Amino acid sequence: MAVRLRTPLSTEDVLRLEVGDVVYLSGEIVTARDSAHRRILSLPKEELPFNPEGAVIYHCGPVVRKTGEGYEVVSAGPTTSARMNRYLDGVLDLGVRGIIGKGGMKAEPFRGRAIYFAFTGGAGSLAAKSVKRVRAVHWLDLGIPEALWVLEVEDFPLLVAIDAHGNSLYR
């Protein structure tokens, strides 16, 4: 089944999806790799530079080009999500309802509260076509790939690889 969704995601959005569904995601997503996850979990929720309630985090260190107006995403391929398993419960406890990455994660923490979307590794230029603009960048002190990038996406093509019912394509 193909579904169009807009962030922030609701619990109802998450619960109606099943493994194998194709989702075209629009709205705001944030990128976060290892260092950004550590910082997210070290701060009080109200001090985060994004609203985690219904948010979608993309495990990605984008390649960006500085422009006169800010930044342009040149490539936005996923990074391996398994490294972020240690942060998963904490991030989902903040209200995050979607994770995008490659290679999967532990399925149980997603049960009843979130979705894991897969995006194909090696297709960063395809992902960049769905990025309409960079809304903001935070924590550049972590380095460009590790910074938290706030991206506006349109019809970002994703596959539900772990659903909120405990099903996983990786089992």
Protein backbone atom coordinates (compact mmCIF):
# COMPACT_ATOMS: atom_id res chain seq x y z
CA MET A 1 0.00 0.00 0.00
CA ALA A 2 1.26 3.52 -0.81
CA VAL A 3 0.54 6.25 1.73
CA ARG A 4 1.21 9.99 1.80
CA LEU A 5 2.07 11.38 5.23
CA ARG A 6 2.97 14.79 6.60
CA THR A 7 4.99 15.49 9.73
CA PRO A 8 4.48 15.70 12.61
CA LEU A 9 3.25 12.10 12.70
CA SER A 10 0.36 11.19 14.96
CA THR A 11 -0.02 7.95 16.87
CA GLU A 12 -2.84 7.08 14.47
CA ASP A 13 -0.51 7.61 11.47
CA VAL A 14 2.00 5.21 12.99
CA LEU A 15 -0.49 2.53 14.01
CA ARG A 16 -2.12 2.27 10.57
CA LEU A 17 1.17 1.51 8.80
CA GLU A 18 2.43 -2.02 8.21
CA VAL A 19 5.74 -3.50 7.16
CA GLY A 20 6.09 -3.23 3.39
CA ASP A 21 4.00 -0.06 3.02
CA VAL A 22 5.51 2.62 0.78
CA VAL A 23 5.31 6.08 2.34
CA TYR A 24 5.80 9.43 0.63
CA LEU A 25 6.74 11.71 3.50
CA SER A 26 6.42 15.50 3.42
CA GLY A 27 7.09 18.15 6.04
CA GLU A 28 9.96 18.69 8.44
CA ILE A 29 12.53 16.05 9.36
CA VAL A 30 15.76 16.38 11.33
CA THR A 31 19.03 14.56 10.74
CA ALA A 32 20.90 13.04 13.64
CA ARG A 33 23.89 10.72 13.88
CA ASP A 34 25.73 9.49 16.97
CA SER A 35 26.88 12.84 18.41
CA ALA A 36 23.54 14.54 17.83
CA HIS A 37 21.71 11.65 19.55
CA ARG A 38 23.98 12.01 22.58
CA ARG A 39 23.30 15.75 22.71
CA ILE A 40 19.54 15.31 22.22
CA LEU A 41 19.41 12.98 25.21
CA SER A 42 21.62 15.24 27.36
CA LEU A 43 19.24 18.20 27.12
CA PRO A 44 15.85 18.83 28.69
CA LYS A 45 13.08 18.39 26.11
CA GLU A 46 12.21 22.11 26.20
CA GLU A 47 15.79 23.06 25.26
CA LEU A 48 15.88 20.99 22.07
CA PRO A 49 16.09 23.02 18.84
CA PHE A 50 13.18 21.01 17.37
CA ASN A 51 9.87 19.74 18.68
CA PRO A 52 10.29 15.97 19.19
CA GLU A 53 6.55 15.29 19.49
CA GLY A 54 5.64 13.45 16.29
CA ALA A 55 9.05 14.20 14.79
CA VAL A 56 10.94 12.07 12.28
CA ILE A 57 14.70 11.67 12.71
CA TYR A 58 16.80 10.76 9.68
CA HIS A 59 20.04 8.87 10.39
CA CYS A 60 22.02 10.88 7.87
CA GLY A 61 25.08 13.08 7.60
CA PRO A 62 24.16 15.16 4.56
CA VAL A 63 26.59 16.59 2.05
CA VAL A 64 25.74 20.29 1.85
CA ARG A 65 26.83 23.27 -0.21
CA LYS A 66 26.84 26.79 1.22
CA THR A 67 24.71 29.18 -0.82
CA GLY A 68 24.00 32.88 -0.53
CA GLU A 69 20.78 32.13 1.37
CA GLY A 70 22.07 29.30 3.55
CA TYR A 71 22.68 25.70 2.54
CA GLU A 72 21.69 23.32 -0.23
CA VAL A 73 21.64 19.54 0.29
CA VAL A 74 23.69 17.84 -2.44
CA SER A 75 23.42 14.28 -1.10
CA ALA A 76 21.47 12.86 1.83
CA GLY A 77 22.05 9.13 2.00
CA PRO A 78 21.27 7.19 5.17
CA THR A 79 23.83 5.98 7.66
CA THR A 80 23.65 2.63 9.44
CA SER A 81 20.98 2.83 12.12
CA ALA A 82 22.13 -0.05 14.35
CA ARG A 83 24.73 2.27 15.93
CA MET A 84 21.85 4.32 17.35
CA ASN A 85 20.11 1.36 19.07
CA ARG A 86 21.56 2.50 22.41
CA TYR A 87 19.73 5.84 22.08
CA LEU A 88 16.46 4.49 20.66
CA ASP A 89 14.34 4.18 23.82
CA GLY A 90 15.36 7.65 25.02
CA VAL A 91 14.60 9.29 21.68
CA LEU A 92 11.23 7.55 21.33
CA ASP A 93 10.38 8.52 24.93
CA LEU A 94 10.63 12.17 23.78
CA GLY A 95 7.73 11.60 21.37
CA VAL A 96 9.67 10.91 18.16
CA ARG A 97 7.42 8.75 15.97
CA GLY A 98 9.62 7.99 12.99
CA ILE A 99 13.21 7.01 12.30
CA ILE A 100 14.67 6.86 8.77
CA GLY A 101 17.85 4.93 8.10
CA LYS A 102 19.38 1.82 6.62
CA GLY A 103 19.97 -1.64 7.98
CA GLY A 104 17.28 -1.67 10.66
CA MET A 105 17.20 -1.44 14.44
CA LYS A 106 15.80 -3.40 17.36
CA ALA A 107 12.07 -3.81 16.62
CA GLU A 108 10.62 -4.01 20.13
CA PRO A 109 11.10 -0.33 21.13
CA PHE A 110 8.94 0.72 18.15
CA ARG A 111 5.94 -1.32 19.33
CA GLY A 112 2.90 0.90 19.85
CA ARG A 113 4.75 4.16 19.34
CA ALA A 114 6.89 4.58 16.23
CA ILE A 115 7.91 3.41 12.75
CA TYR A 116 11.29 2.66 11.21
CA PHE A 117 11.47 3.75 7.58
CA ALA A 118 14.17 2.32 5.32
CA PHE A 119 15.84 4.34 2.60
CA THR A 120 18.30 2.64 0.27
CA GLY A 121 21.96 3.20 0.96
CA GLY A 122 23.93 4.63 -1.94
CA ALA A 123 21.00 6.72 -3.18
CA GLY A 124 21.90 10.00 -1.51
CA SER A 125 21.36 12.11 -4.63
CA LEU A 126 17.85 10.66 -4.97
CA ALA A 127 17.10 11.56 -1.35
CA ALA A 128 18.43 15.08 -1.95
CA LYS A 129 15.79 15.58 -4.66
CA SER A 130 13.11 15.27 -1.97
CA VAL A 131 14.76 17.96 0.17
CA LYS A 132 13.11 21.24 -0.77
CA ARG A 133 15.12 23.41 1.61
CA VAL A 134 17.27 23.54 4.70
CA ARG A 135 15.18 25.27 7.36
CA ALA A 136 17.94 25.44 9.96
CA VAL A 137 21.14 23.84 11.18
CA HIS A 138 22.07 23.40 14.84
CA TRP A 139 25.18 22.16 16.61
CA LEU A 140 27.69 22.83 13.84
CA ASP A 141 30.34 22.48 16.56
CA LEU A 142 29.81 18.71 16.09
CA GLY A 143 30.88 19.00 12.43
CA ILE A 144 28.75 19.19 9.30
CA PRO A 145 27.83 15.46 9.11
CA GLU A 146 27.05 15.25 12.85
CA ALA A 147 25.14 18.55 13.10
CA LEU A 148 21.36 18.52 13.46
CA TRP A 149 19.92 19.60 10.11
CA VAL A 150 16.27 20.64 9.91
CA LEU A 151 15.06 19.76 6.42
CA GLU A 152 11.82 20.38 4.58
CA VAL A 153 11.04 17.35 2.43
CA GLU A 154 8.36 16.64 -0.15
CA ASP A 155 7.28 13.13 -1.16
CA PHE A 156 10.38 11.50 0.31
CA PRO A 157 10.00 7.83 -0.82
CA LEU A 158 10.37 5.43 2.11
CA LEU A 159 9.58 1.84 2.98
CA VAL A 160 8.12 0.80 6.34
CA ALA A 161 10.72 -1.72 7.51
CA ILE A 162 9.68 -1.94 11.20
CA ASP A 163 6.09 -1.17 12.14
CA ALA A 164 4.47 -0.31 15.46
CA HIS A 165 3.03 -3.83 15.72
CA GLY A 166 6.38 -5.55 16.23
CA ASN A 167 6.90 -6.65 12.61
CA SER A 168 10.27 -6.22 10.95
CA LEU A 169 11.60 -6.87 7.46
CA TYR A 170 14.95 -7.59 9.09
CA ARG A 171 13.83 -10.69 10.99
